[in-house]
Amino acid sequence: MLLALLPLMALLLYWRGQIYDPALLQFKGGGLSLGALLPDTVEPWQRLPALRAFSKNNLYEYINGHAEYFLAAGFRSLTVAEYRLPTDGQQPSAVVDFYDMGEPLNAFGALVDEVGGGQAIALGEGAFAGPRTLGFLAGRYYVKVAAFADGMPLLPLAEALLQGLRKGSAGQSGGELSLDRLFPDLGKVTATRYIKENYRGWSFLQRVVERRFQRADGREGQMFAVTVNEAQQAALEQAFRAFCQQEGIAIQALQEGGVRLWQLSDPYEGDWLLLPLRGQWLGIFQPLDTTILEALRRFLGHG
């Protein structure tokens, strides 16, 4: 009788294995903290109950051929949610990808690379929109909203998602990336991009944010910012000075109006400025003048 019970027990265990709690699946993939923060209803959107979660080990199942990019950019986990419109019944009308990139700067890099070619919109600390796609930042998360047809109201959905993430620890973890804290106000911003490594061929400059701008007098320029912790500061300065010596770039230390900076006479880039600040290096590819000096004083005055 005991031997006869063994097949029955195996069948029972198999049947129980097919009944699972979606929340447990979300927890396994790192999506439990997100599930409670996502709105169920955003007029006219309705969230479908099931969430999907992916880790480093199975990300390729969701974005085969593109997973390597995210893995190299700091990816930790992905949670996928679906929303529907009343006209589509129980079928999803849009899919939302929540990429946990580990830290805000990694999330910004993914945002720019993925949807940075779209129209910039006012949503959080950075957002772009296309005909069927909208991407934005929420702390260490890069969030991508993709519709299955043109003309769907993605912006109200994205605004509600961002608000929900900010209310919970998921959106705040890792802090918010503020580009205005990285750059002084030198004029109208015309473009912002992220360069993961070898900025301008300089192997010692990694994970750089570059911004192009147009001054009030119509002149165009560009600047860059790179975050540097205390342990990296000395090594970066040594590498930079060695490069300048090798390339014949003269460095002049200046103290102007309370602002300490380096002015470089570069045979390739012309005269430009570098501020090795605590926690950040700031480069401006223009010679020092009164407008730049005043902008730097305001920038440094805000800490």
C-alpha atoms as a PDB file:
ATOM      1  CA  MET A   1       0.000   0.000   0.000  1.00  0.00           C
ATOM      2  CA  LEU A   2       2.872   2.366   0.792  1.00  0.00           C
ATOM      3  CA  LEU A   3       4.444   1.695  -2.579  1.00  0.00           C
ATOM      4  CA  ALA A   4       1.106   2.388  -4.259  1.00  0.00           C
ATOM      5  CA  LEU A   5       0.886   5.728  -2.493  1.00  0.00           C
ATOM      6  CA  LEU A   6       4.203   6.962  -3.924  1.00  0.00           C
ATOM      7  CA  PRO A   7       2.840   7.788  -7.429  1.00  0.00           C
ATOM      8  CA  LEU A   8      -0.159   9.522  -5.843  1.00  0.00           C
ATOM      9  CA  MET A   9       2.127  11.630  -3.662  1.00  0.00           C
ATOM     10  CA  ALA A  10       4.199  12.562  -6.707  1.00  0.00           C
ATOM     11  CA  LEU A  11       1.073  13.642  -8.580  1.00  0.00           C
ATOM     12  CA  LEU A  12      -0.072  15.681  -5.572  1.00  0.00           C
ATOM     13  CA  LEU A  13       3.270  17.457  -5.298  1.00  0.00           C
ATOM     14  CA  TYR A  14       3.241  18.251  -9.033  1.00  0.00           C
ATOM     15  CA  TRP A  15      -0.312  19.640  -8.817  1.00  0.00           C
ATOM     16  CA  ARG A  16       0.581  21.817  -5.834  1.00  0.00           C
ATOM     17  CA  GLY A  17       3.613  23.095  -7.719  1.00  0.00           C
ATOM     18  CA  GLN A  18       1.416  24.515 -10.446  1.00  0.00           C
ATOM     19  CA  ILE A  19      -0.466  26.696  -7.932  1.00  0.00           C
ATOM     20  CA  TYR A  20       1.744  29.658  -7.029  1.00  0.00           C
ATOM     21  CA  ASP A  21       1.360  33.081  -5.548  1.00  0.00           C
ATOM     22  CA  PRO A  22       2.420  35.793  -8.049  1.00  0.00           C
ATOM     23  CA  ALA A  23       3.772  37.839  -5.148  1.00  0.00           C
ATOM     24  CA  LEU A  24       6.276  35.094  -4.382  1.00  0.00           C
ATOM     25  CA  LEU A  25       7.400  35.165  -7.976  1.00  0.00           C
ATOM     26  CA  GLN A  26       7.805  38.932  -7.772  1.00  0.00           C
ATOM     27  CA  PHE A  27       9.846  38.639  -4.586  1.00  0.00           C
ATOM     28  CA  LYS A  28      12.158  36.126  -6.190  1.00  0.00           C
ATOM     29  CA  GLY A  29      12.913  38.500  -9.046  1.00  0.00           C
ATOM     30  CA  GLY A  30      13.228  41.610  -6.897  1.00  0.00           C
ATOM     31  CA  GLY A  31       9.854  43.037  -7.901  1.00  0.00           C
ATOM     32  CA  LEU A  32       8.030  42.827  -4.559  1.00  0.00           C
ATOM     33  CA  SER A  33       8.914  46.374  -3.509  1.00  0.00           C
ATOM     34  CA  LEU A  34       7.680  47.707  -6.834  1.00  0.00           C
ATOM     35  CA  GLY A  35       4.400  45.813  -6.961  1.00  0.00           C
ATOM     36  CA  ALA A  36       2.948  47.718  -4.017  1.00  0.00           C
ATOM     37  CA  LEU A  37       3.942  51.089  -5.511  1.00  0.00           C
ATOM     38  CA  LEU A  38       2.334  50.738  -8.911  1.00  0.00           C
ATOM     39  CA  PRO A  39      -1.126  52.309  -9.339  1.00  0.00           C
ATOM     40  CA  ASP A  40      -3.920  49.888 -10.221  1.00  0.00           C
ATOM     41  CA  THR A  41      -5.939  52.526 -12.058  1.00  0.00           C
ATOM     42  CA  VAL A  42      -4.846  55.663 -13.929  1.00  0.00           C
ATOM     43  CA  GLU A  43      -7.765  56.934 -15.975  1.00  0.00           C
ATOM     44  CA  PRO A  44      -8.266  55.424 -18.528  1.00  0.00           C
ATOM     45  CA  TRP A  45      -5.616  52.779 -17.744  1.00  0.00           C
ATOM     46  CA  GLN A  46      -6.127  49.612 -15.695  1.00  0.00           C
ATOM     47  CA  ARG A  47      -3.229  47.490 -14.525  1.00  0.00           C
ATOM     48  CA  LEU A  48      -3.258  43.774 -15.248  1.00  0.00           C
ATOM     49  CA  PRO A  49      -2.537  41.794 -12.059  1.00  0.00           C
ATOM     50  CA  ALA A  50       0.445  39.681 -13.112  1.00  0.00           C
ATOM     51  CA  LEU A  51       3.977  41.034 -12.935  1.00  0.00           C
ATOM     52  CA  ARG A  52       7.001  39.430 -14.531  1.00  0.00           C
ATOM     53  CA  ALA A  53      10.484  39.573 -13.039  1.00  0.00           C
ATOM     54  CA  PHE A  54      13.897  38.979 -14.585  1.00  0.00           C
ATOM     55  CA  SER A  55      17.367  38.786 -13.109  1.00  0.00           C
ATOM     56  CA  LYS A  56      20.857  38.880 -14.584  1.00  0.00           C
ATOM     57  CA  ASN A  57      20.579  35.160 -15.286  1.00  0.00           C
ATOM     58  CA  ASN A  58      17.471  35.266 -17.485  1.00  0.00           C
ATOM     59  CA  LEU A  59      17.255  38.827 -18.822  1.00  0.00           C
ATOM     60  CA  TYR A  60      18.029  37.452 -22.282  1.00  0.00           C
ATOM     61  CA  GLU A  61      14.625  35.728 -22.256  1.00  0.00           C
ATOM     62  CA  TYR A  62      12.965  39.160 -22.371  1.00  0.00           C
ATOM     63  CA  ILE A  63      15.370  41.183 -24.530  1.00  0.00           C
ATOM     64  CA  ASN A  64      17.393  38.617 -26.401  1.00  0.00           C
ATOM     65  CA  GLY A  65      20.294  40.276 -28.201  1.00  0.00           C
ATOM     66  CA  HIS A  66      20.216  43.425 -26.053  1.00  0.00           C
ATOM     67  CA  ALA A  67      20.684  41.953 -22.586  1.00  0.00           C
ATOM     68  CA  GLU A  68      24.465  42.311 -22.781  1.00  0.00           C
ATOM     69  CA  TYR A  69      24.133  46.095 -22.970  1.00  0.00           C
ATOM     70  CA  PHE A  70      22.178  46.301 -19.714  1.00  0.00           C
ATOM     71  CA  LEU A  71      24.388  43.785 -17.922  1.00  0.00           C
ATOM     72  CA  ALA A  72      27.466  45.850 -18.772  1.00  0.00           C
ATOM     73  CA  ALA A  73      25.727  49.073 -17.670  1.00  0.00           C
ATOM     74  CA  GLY A  74      25.065  48.021 -14.062  1.00  0.00           C
ATOM     75  CA  PHE A  75      21.762  46.132 -14.425  1.00  0.00           C
ATOM     76  CA  ARG A  76      20.395  44.433 -11.289  1.00  0.00           C
ATOM     77  CA  SER A  77      16.836  43.380 -12.068  1.00  0.00           C
ATOM     78  CA  LEU A  78      13.822  44.028 -14.285  1.00  0.00           C
ATOM     79  CA  THR A  79      10.151  44.095 -13.376  1.00  0.00           C
ATOM     80  CA  VAL A  80       7.554  44.170 -16.169  1.00  0.00           C
ATOM     81  CA  ALA A  81       3.969  45.382 -15.712  1.00  0.00           C
ATOM     82  CA  GLU A  82       1.117  45.645 -18.223  1.00  0.00           C
ATOM     83  CA  TYR A  83      -1.722  48.150 -18.490  1.00  0.00           C
ATOM     84  CA  ARG A  84      -4.849  48.000 -20.632  1.00  0.00           C
ATOM     85  CA  LEU A  85      -7.401  50.413 -22.024  1.00  0.00           C
ATOM     86  CA  PRO A  86     -11.161  49.643 -21.781  1.00  0.00           C
ATOM     87  CA  THR A  87     -11.387  49.323 -25.549  1.00  0.00           C
ATOM     88  CA  ASP A  88      -8.853  46.460 -25.530  1.00  0.00           C
ATOM     89  CA  GLY A  89     -10.726  44.186 -23.128  1.00  0.00           C
ATOM     90  CA  GLN A  90      -8.335  42.063 -21.077  1.00  0.00           C
ATOM     91  CA  GLN A  91      -5.484  42.425 -23.561  1.00  0.00           C
ATOM     92  CA  PRO A  92      -2.560  44.702 -22.621  1.00  0.00           C
ATOM     93  CA  SER A  93      -2.399  48.055 -24.361  1.00  0.00           C
ATOM     94  CA  ALA A  94       1.004  49.094 -22.998  1.00  0.00           C
ATOM     95  CA  VAL A  95       3.913  47.433 -21.235  1.00  0.00           C
ATOM     96  CA  VAL A  96       6.071  49.099 -18.563  1.00  0.00           C
ATOM     97  CA  ASP A  97       9.665  47.997 -17.921  1.00  0.00           C
ATOM     98  CA  PHE A  98      11.301  48.926 -14.622  1.00  0.00           C
ATOM     99  CA  TYR A  99      15.064  48.474 -15.009  1.00  0.00           C
ATOM    100  CA  ASP A 100      16.911  48.587 -11.687  1.00  0.00           C
ATOM    101  CA  MET A 101      20.329  49.883 -12.803  1.00  0.00           C
ATOM    102  CA  GLY A 102      21.949  50.020  -9.369  1.00  0.00           C
ATOM    103  CA  GLU A 103      22.439  53.793  -9.220  1.00  0.00           C
ATOM    104  CA  PRO A 104      20.919  56.911 -10.813  1.00  0.00           C
ATOM    105  CA  LEU A 105      23.840  57.602 -13.149  1.00  0.00           C
ATOM    106  CA  ASN A 106      23.557  54.129 -14.698  1.00  0.00           C
ATOM    107  CA  ALA A 107      19.816  54.655 -15.121  1.00  0.00           C
ATOM    108  CA  PHE A 108      20.469  57.977 -16.863  1.00  0.00           C
ATOM    109  CA  GLY A 109      22.885  56.302 -19.264  1.00  0.00           C
ATOM    110  CA  ALA A 110      20.292  53.662 -20.161  1.00  0.00           C
ATOM    111  CA  LEU A 111      17.602  56.323 -20.644  1.00  0.00           C
ATOM    112  CA  VAL A 112      19.725  58.383 -23.041  1.00  0.00           C
ATOM    113  CA  ASP A 113      20.911  55.367 -25.010  1.00  0.00           C
ATOM    114  CA  GLU A 114      17.443  53.827 -25.309  1.00  0.00           C
ATOM    115  CA  VAL A 115      15.086  56.755 -25.931  1.00  0.00           C
ATOM    116  CA  GLY A 116      17.325  59.827 -25.874  1.00  0.00           C
ATOM    117  CA  GLY A 117      16.613  60.493 -29.535  1.00  0.00           C
ATOM    118  CA  GLY A 118      13.003  61.368 -28.763  1.00  0.00           C
ATOM    119  CA  GLN A 119      11.457  64.629 -27.645  1.00  0.00           C
ATOM    120  CA  ALA A 120      12.575  65.818 -24.211  1.00  0.00           C
ATOM    121  CA  ILE A 121       9.605  66.263 -21.856  1.00  0.00           C
ATOM    122  CA  ALA A 122       9.209  67.682 -18.352  1.00  0.00           C
ATOM    123  CA  LEU A 123       8.904  64.616 -16.161  1.00  0.00           C
ATOM    124  CA  GLY A 124      11.187  64.126 -13.174  1.00  0.00           C
ATOM    125  CA  GLU A 125      14.918  64.512 -13.707  1.00  0.00           C
ATOM    126  CA  GLY A 126      14.916  63.377 -17.310  1.00  0.00           C
ATOM    127  CA  ALA A 127      12.401  62.012 -19.805  1.00  0.00           C
ATOM    128  CA  PHE A 128      11.999  61.484 -23.535  1.00  0.00           C
ATOM    129  CA  ALA A 129       8.962  60.569 -25.597  1.00  0.00           C
ATOM    130  CA  GLY A 130       8.410  59.107 -29.062  1.00  0.00           C
ATOM    131  CA  PRO A 131       5.310  58.060 -31.037  1.00  0.00           C
ATOM    132  CA  ARG A 132       4.813  54.875 -28.994  1.00  0.00           C
ATOM    133  CA  THR A 133       7.476  55.077 -26.274  1.00  0.00           C
ATOM    134  CA  LEU A 134       8.132  57.164 -23.183  1.00  0.00           C
ATOM    135  CA  GLY A 135      11.129  56.774 -20.887  1.00  0.00           C
ATOM    136  CA  PHE A 136      11.945  58.487 -17.584  1.00  0.00           C
ATOM    137  CA  LEU A 137      14.103  58.243 -14.447  1.00  0.00           C
ATOM    138  CA  ALA A 138      13.053  57.321 -10.914  1.00  0.00           C
ATOM    139  CA  GLY A 139      16.076  57.110  -8.651  1.00  0.00           C
ATOM    140  CA  ARG A 140      18.101  54.112  -9.697  1.00  0.00           C
ATOM    141  CA  TYR A 141      15.310  52.958 -12.060  1.00  0.00           C
ATOM    142  CA  TYR A 142      15.086  53.517 -15.785  1.00  0.00           C
ATOM    143  CA  VAL A 143      11.389  53.174 -16.649  1.00  0.00           C
ATOM    144  CA  LYS A 144      10.228  52.538 -20.204  1.00  0.00           C
ATOM    145  CA  VAL A 145       6.557  52.733 -21.185  1.00  0.00           C
ATOM    146  CA  ALA A 146       5.742  51.267 -24.606  1.00  0.00           C
ATOM    147  CA  ALA A 147       2.300  51.348 -26.258  1.00  0.00           C
ATOM    148  CA  PHE A 148       1.040  48.881 -28.839  1.00  0.00           C
ATOM    149  CA  ALA A 149      -0.493  51.610 -31.040  1.00  0.00           C
ATOM    150  CA  ASP A 150      -0.013  55.292 -31.835  1.00  0.00           C
ATOM    151  CA  GLY A 151      -1.826  58.043 -29.995  1.00  0.00           C
ATOM    152  CA  MET A 152      -2.191  56.356 -26.589  1.00  0.00           C
ATOM    153  CA  PRO A 153      -2.115  58.653 -23.500  1.00  0.00           C
ATOM    154  CA  LEU A 154       1.231  57.547 -22.083  1.00  0.00           C
ATOM    155  CA  LEU A 155       2.097  60.748 -20.208  1.00  0.00           C
ATOM    156  CA  PRO A 156      -0.662  60.504 -17.514  1.00  0.00           C
ATOM    157  CA  LEU A 157       0.347  56.885 -16.921  1.00  0.00           C
ATOM    158  CA  ALA A 158       4.033  57.792 -16.640  1.00  0.00           C
ATOM    159  CA  GLU A 159       3.275  60.654 -14.239  1.00  0.00           C
ATOM    160  CA  ALA A 160       1.305  58.317 -11.966  1.00  0.00           C
ATOM    161  CA  LEU A 161       4.058  55.700 -12.080  1.00  0.00           C
ATOM    162  CA  LEU A 162       6.712  58.256 -11.146  1.00  0.00           C
ATOM    163  CA  GLN A 163       4.573  59.572  -8.293  1.00  0.00           C
ATOM    164  CA  GLY A 164       4.092  56.050  -6.947  1.00  0.00           C
ATOM    165  CA  LEU A 165       7.800  55.268  -7.108  1.00  0.00           C
ATOM    166  CA  ARG A 166       8.694  58.461  -5.300  1.00  0.00           C
ATOM    167  CA  LYS A 167       6.312  57.650  -2.466  1.00  0.00           C
ATOM    168  CA  GLY A 168       8.093  54.380  -1.785  1.00  0.00           C
ATOM    169  CA  SER A 169      11.649  53.432  -1.025  1.00  0.00           C
ATOM    170  CA  ALA A 170      12.133  51.878  -4.477  1.00  0.00           C
ATOM    171  CA  GLY A 171      12.210  55.203  -6.280  1.00  0.00           C
ATOM    172  CA  GLN A 172      14.291  56.974  -3.645  1.00  0.00           C
ATOM    173  CA  SER A 173      16.909  54.293  -3.138  1.00  0.00           C
ATOM    174  CA  GLY A 174      20.182  55.510  -4.563  1.00  0.00           C
ATOM    175  CA  GLY A 175      18.946  59.129  -4.569  1.00  0.00           C
ATOM    176  CA  GLU A 176      17.678  61.251  -7.428  1.00  0.00           C
ATOM    177  CA  LEU A 177      19.976  62.351 -10.228  1.00  0.00           C
ATOM    178  CA  SER A 178      19.893  66.130 -10.620  1.00  0.00           C
ATOM    179  CA  LEU A 179      21.677  67.321 -13.731  1.00  0.00           C
ATOM    180  CA  ASP A 180      21.373  70.932 -12.540  1.00  0.00           C
ATOM    181  CA  ARG A 181      23.607  69.996  -9.630  1.00  0.00           C
ATOM    182  CA  LEU A 182      26.256  68.736 -12.030  1.00  0.00           C
ATOM    183  CA  PHE A 183      26.401  71.777 -14.319  1.00  0.00           C
ATOM    184  CA  PRO A 184      26.381  75.579 -14.016  1.00  0.00           C
ATOM    185  CA  ASP A 185      23.822  77.570 -15.987  1.00  0.00           C
ATOM    186  CA  LEU A 186      25.709  78.794 -19.045  1.00  0.00           C
ATOM    187  CA  GLY A 187      22.734  79.170 -21.363  1.00  0.00           C
ATOM    188  CA  LYS A 188      20.095  77.175 -23.177  1.00  0.00           C
ATOM    189  CA  VAL A 189      20.705  73.423 -23.016  1.00  0.00           C
ATOM    190  CA  THR A 190      20.726  71.923 -26.521  1.00  0.00           C
ATOM    191  CA  ALA A 191      21.756  68.313 -25.810  1.00  0.00           C
ATOM    192  CA  THR A 192      22.780  66.013 -22.993  1.00  0.00           C
ATOM    193  CA  ARG A 193      24.408  62.625 -23.387  1.00  0.00           C
ATOM    194  CA  TYR A 194      26.161  59.927 -21.373  1.00  0.00           C
ATOM    195  CA  ILE A 195      29.530  58.414 -22.304  1.00  0.00           C
ATOM    196  CA  LYS A 196      30.337  55.239 -20.424  1.00  0.00           C
ATOM    197  CA  GLU A 197      34.086  55.088 -21.075  1.00  0.00           C
ATOM    198  CA  ASN A 198      37.038  56.672 -22.878  1.00  0.00           C
ATOM    199  CA  TYR A 199      35.527  60.136 -23.050  1.00  0.00           C
ATOM    200  CA  ARG A 200      37.217  61.996 -25.947  1.00  0.00           C
ATOM    201  CA  GLY A 201      39.710  59.141 -26.086  1.00  0.00           C
ATOM    202  CA  TRP A 202      40.811  59.763 -22.489  1.00  0.00           C
ATOM    203  CA  SER A 203      40.912  56.316 -20.894  1.00  0.00           C
ATOM    204  CA  PHE A 204      40.988  57.818 -17.394  1.00  0.00           C
ATOM    205  CA  LEU A 205      37.584  59.510 -17.793  1.00  0.00           C
ATOM    206  CA  GLN A 206      34.720  57.041 -17.346  1.00  0.00           C
ATOM    207  CA  ARG A 207      30.952  57.458 -16.894  1.00  0.00           C
ATOM    208  CA  VAL A 208      30.839  61.058 -18.103  1.00  0.00           C
ATOM    209  CA  VAL A 209      27.789  63.262 -18.605  1.00  0.00           C
ATOM    210  CA  GLU A 210      28.236  65.803 -21.404  1.00  0.00           C
ATOM    211  CA  ARG A 211      26.039  68.834 -21.969  1.00  0.00           C
ATOM    212  CA  ARG A 212      25.904  71.146 -24.977  1.00  0.00           C
ATOM    213  CA  PHE A 213      24.614  74.685 -24.527  1.00  0.00           C
ATOM    214  CA  GLN A 214      24.024  77.973 -26.351  1.00  0.00           C
ATOM    215  CA  ARG A 215      24.996  81.182 -24.620  1.00  0.00           C
ATOM    216  CA  ALA A 216      22.907  84.346 -24.644  1.00  0.00           C
ATOM    217  CA  ASP A 217      25.225  85.850 -27.269  1.00  0.00           C
ATOM    218  CA  GLY A 218      24.538  82.885 -29.578  1.00  0.00           C
ATOM    219  CA  ARG A 219      27.879  81.142 -29.089  1.00  0.00           C
ATOM    220  CA  GLU A 220      27.715  77.405 -28.592  1.00  0.00           C
ATOM    221  CA  GLY A 221      29.792  75.352 -26.189  1.00  0.00           C
ATOM    222  CA  GLN A 222      29.969  72.115 -24.296  1.00  0.00           C
ATOM    223  CA  MET A 223      30.956  70.932 -20.857  1.00  0.00           C
ATOM    224  CA  PHE A 224      31.292  67.651 -19.043  1.00  0.00           C
ATOM    225  CA  ALA A 225      30.922  66.337 -15.514  1.00  0.00           C
ATOM    226  CA  VAL A 226      32.237  63.167 -13.921  1.00  0.00           C
ATOM    227  CA  THR A 227      31.610  62.087 -10.341  1.00  0.00           C
ATOM    228  CA  VAL A 228      34.776  61.320  -8.382  1.00  0.00           C
ATOM    229  CA  ASN A 229      34.985  59.921  -4.865  1.00  0.00           C
ATOM    230  CA  GLU A 230      37.809  60.746  -2.484  1.00  0.00           C
ATOM    231  CA  ALA A 231      39.670  57.525  -3.226  1.00  0.00           C
ATOM    232  CA  GLN A 232      39.669  58.238  -6.982  1.00  0.00           C
ATOM    233  CA  GLN A 233      40.653  61.900  -6.784  1.00  0.00           C
ATOM    234  CA  ALA A 234      44.448  61.516  -6.495  1.00  0.00           C
ATOM    235  CA  ALA A 235      44.685  58.790  -9.151  1.00  0.00           C
ATOM    236  CA  LEU A 236      42.562  60.797 -11.603  1.00  0.00           C
ATOM    237  CA  GLU A 237      44.632  63.938 -11.126  1.00  0.00           C
ATOM    238  CA  GLN A 238      47.855  61.980 -11.610  1.00  0.00           C
ATOM    239  CA  ALA A 239      46.557  60.406 -14.826  1.00  0.00           C
ATOM    240  CA  PHE A 240      45.320  63.758 -16.126  1.00  0.00           C
ATOM    241  CA  ARG A 241      48.578  65.565 -15.422  1.00  0.00           C
ATOM    242  CA  ALA A 242      50.573  62.759 -17.058  1.00  0.00           C
ATOM    243  CA  PHE A 243      48.386  63.011 -20.154  1.00  0.00           C
ATOM    244  CA  CYS A 244      48.794  66.793 -20.344  1.00  0.00           C
ATOM    245  CA  GLN A 245      52.549  66.513 -20.004  1.00  0.00           C
ATOM    246  CA  GLN A 246      52.673  63.903 -22.752  1.00  0.00           C
ATOM    247  CA  GLU A 247      50.515  65.972 -25.123  1.00  0.00           C
ATOM    248  CA  GLY A 248      52.149  69.309 -24.364  1.00  0.00           C
ATOM    249  CA  ILE A 249      49.054  70.805 -22.714  1.00  0.00           C
ATOM    250  CA  ALA A 250      49.928  73.645 -20.343  1.00  0.00           C
ATOM    251  CA  ILE A 251      48.004  73.823 -17.040  1.00  0.00           C
ATOM    252  CA  GLN A 252      47.651  77.146 -15.250  1.00  0.00           C
ATOM    253  CA  ALA A 253      46.102  77.227 -11.785  1.00  0.00           C
ATOM    254  CA  LEU A 254      43.875  80.294 -11.298  1.00  0.00           C
ATOM    255  CA  GLN A 255      42.038  81.864  -8.374  1.00  0.00           C
ATOM    256  CA  GLU A 256      39.382  84.207  -9.729  1.00  0.00           C
ATOM    257  CA  GLY A 257      36.657  85.750  -7.595  1.00  0.00           C
ATOM    258  CA  GLY A 258      36.840  82.957  -5.045  1.00  0.00           C
ATOM    259  CA  VAL A 259      36.764  80.262  -7.733  1.00  0.00           C
ATOM    260  CA  ARG A 260      39.736  77.881  -7.968  1.00  0.00           C
ATOM    261  CA  LEU A 261      40.199  76.310 -11.393  1.00  0.00           C
ATOM    262  CA  TRP A 262      42.689  75.152 -13.992  1.00  0.00           C
ATOM    263  CA  GLN A 263      42.978  76.809 -17.374  1.00  0.00           C
ATOM    264  CA  LEU A 264      44.397  74.583 -20.084  1.00  0.00           C
ATOM    265  CA  SER A 265      46.086  75.628 -23.308  1.00  0.00           C
ATOM    266  CA  ASP A 266      45.275  72.655 -25.492  1.00  0.00           C
ATOM    267  CA  PRO A 267      46.628  72.424 -29.061  1.00  0.00           C
ATOM    268  CA  TYR A 268      43.577  70.302 -30.012  1.00  0.00           C
ATOM    269  CA  GLU A 269      40.691  71.779 -27.992  1.00  0.00           C
ATOM    270  CA  GLY A 270      41.929  75.341 -27.585  1.00  0.00           C
ATOM    271  CA  ASP A 271      41.776  77.094 -24.212  1.00  0.00           C
ATOM    272  CA  TRP A 272      39.360  75.440 -21.803  1.00  0.00           C
ATOM    273  CA  LEU A 273      38.633  75.155 -18.082  1.00  0.00           C
ATOM    274  CA  LEU A 274      38.694  72.351 -15.555  1.00  0.00           C
ATOM    275  CA  LEU A 275      37.416  72.471 -11.987  1.00  0.00           C
ATOM    276  CA  PRO A 276      38.572  69.477  -9.872  1.00  0.00           C
ATOM    277  CA  LEU A 277      35.844  69.830  -7.258  1.00  0.00           C
ATOM    278  CA  ARG A 278      35.222  67.648  -4.245  1.00  0.00           C
ATOM    279  CA  GLY A 279      33.144  64.722  -5.474  1.00  0.00           C
ATOM    280  CA  GLN A 280      33.092  65.925  -9.090  1.00  0.00           C
ATOM    281  CA  TRP A 281      35.242  67.181 -11.946  1.00  0.00           C
ATOM    282  CA  LEU A 282      33.724  69.825 -14.203  1.00  0.00           C
ATOM    283  CA  GLY A 283      35.153  70.701 -17.607  1.00  0.00           C
ATOM    284  CA  ILE A 284      34.093  73.637 -19.805  1.00  0.00           C
ATOM    285  CA  PHE A 285      35.455  73.803 -23.334  1.00  0.00           C
ATOM    286  CA  GLN A 286      35.662  77.579 -23.468  1.00  0.00           C
ATOM    287  CA  PRO A 287      38.190  80.140 -22.191  1.00  0.00           C
ATOM    288  CA  LEU A 288      37.404  81.965 -18.977  1.00  0.00           C
ATOM    289  CA  ASP A 289      35.394  85.181 -19.271  1.00  0.00           C
ATOM    290  CA  THR A 290      33.139  87.251 -17.015  1.00  0.00           C
ATOM    291  CA  THR A 291      29.948  85.361 -17.937  1.00  0.00           C
ATOM    292  CA  ILE A 292      31.469  81.961 -17.153  1.00  0.00           C
ATOM    293  CA  LEU A 293      33.051  83.235 -13.941  1.00  0.00           C
ATOM    294  CA  GLU A 294      29.736  84.612 -12.645  1.00  0.00           C
ATOM    295  CA  ALA A 295      27.952  81.361 -13.563  1.00  0.00           C
ATOM    296  CA  LEU A 296      30.599  79.352 -11.701  1.00  0.00           C
ATOM    297  CA  ARG A 297      30.269  81.552  -8.622  1.00  0.00           C
ATOM    298  CA  ARG A 298      26.517  80.969  -8.549  1.00  0.00           C
ATOM    299  CA  PHE A 299      27.018  77.240  -9.156  1.00  0.00           C
ATOM    300  CA  LEU A 300      29.573  76.827  -6.361  1.00  0.00           C
ATOM    301  CA  GLY A 301      27.537  79.044  -4.051  1.00  0.00           C
ATOM    302  CA  HIS A 302      24.780  76.422  -4.150  1.00  0.00           C
ATOM    303  CA  GLY A 303      27.193  73.782  -2.885  1.00  0.00           C
END
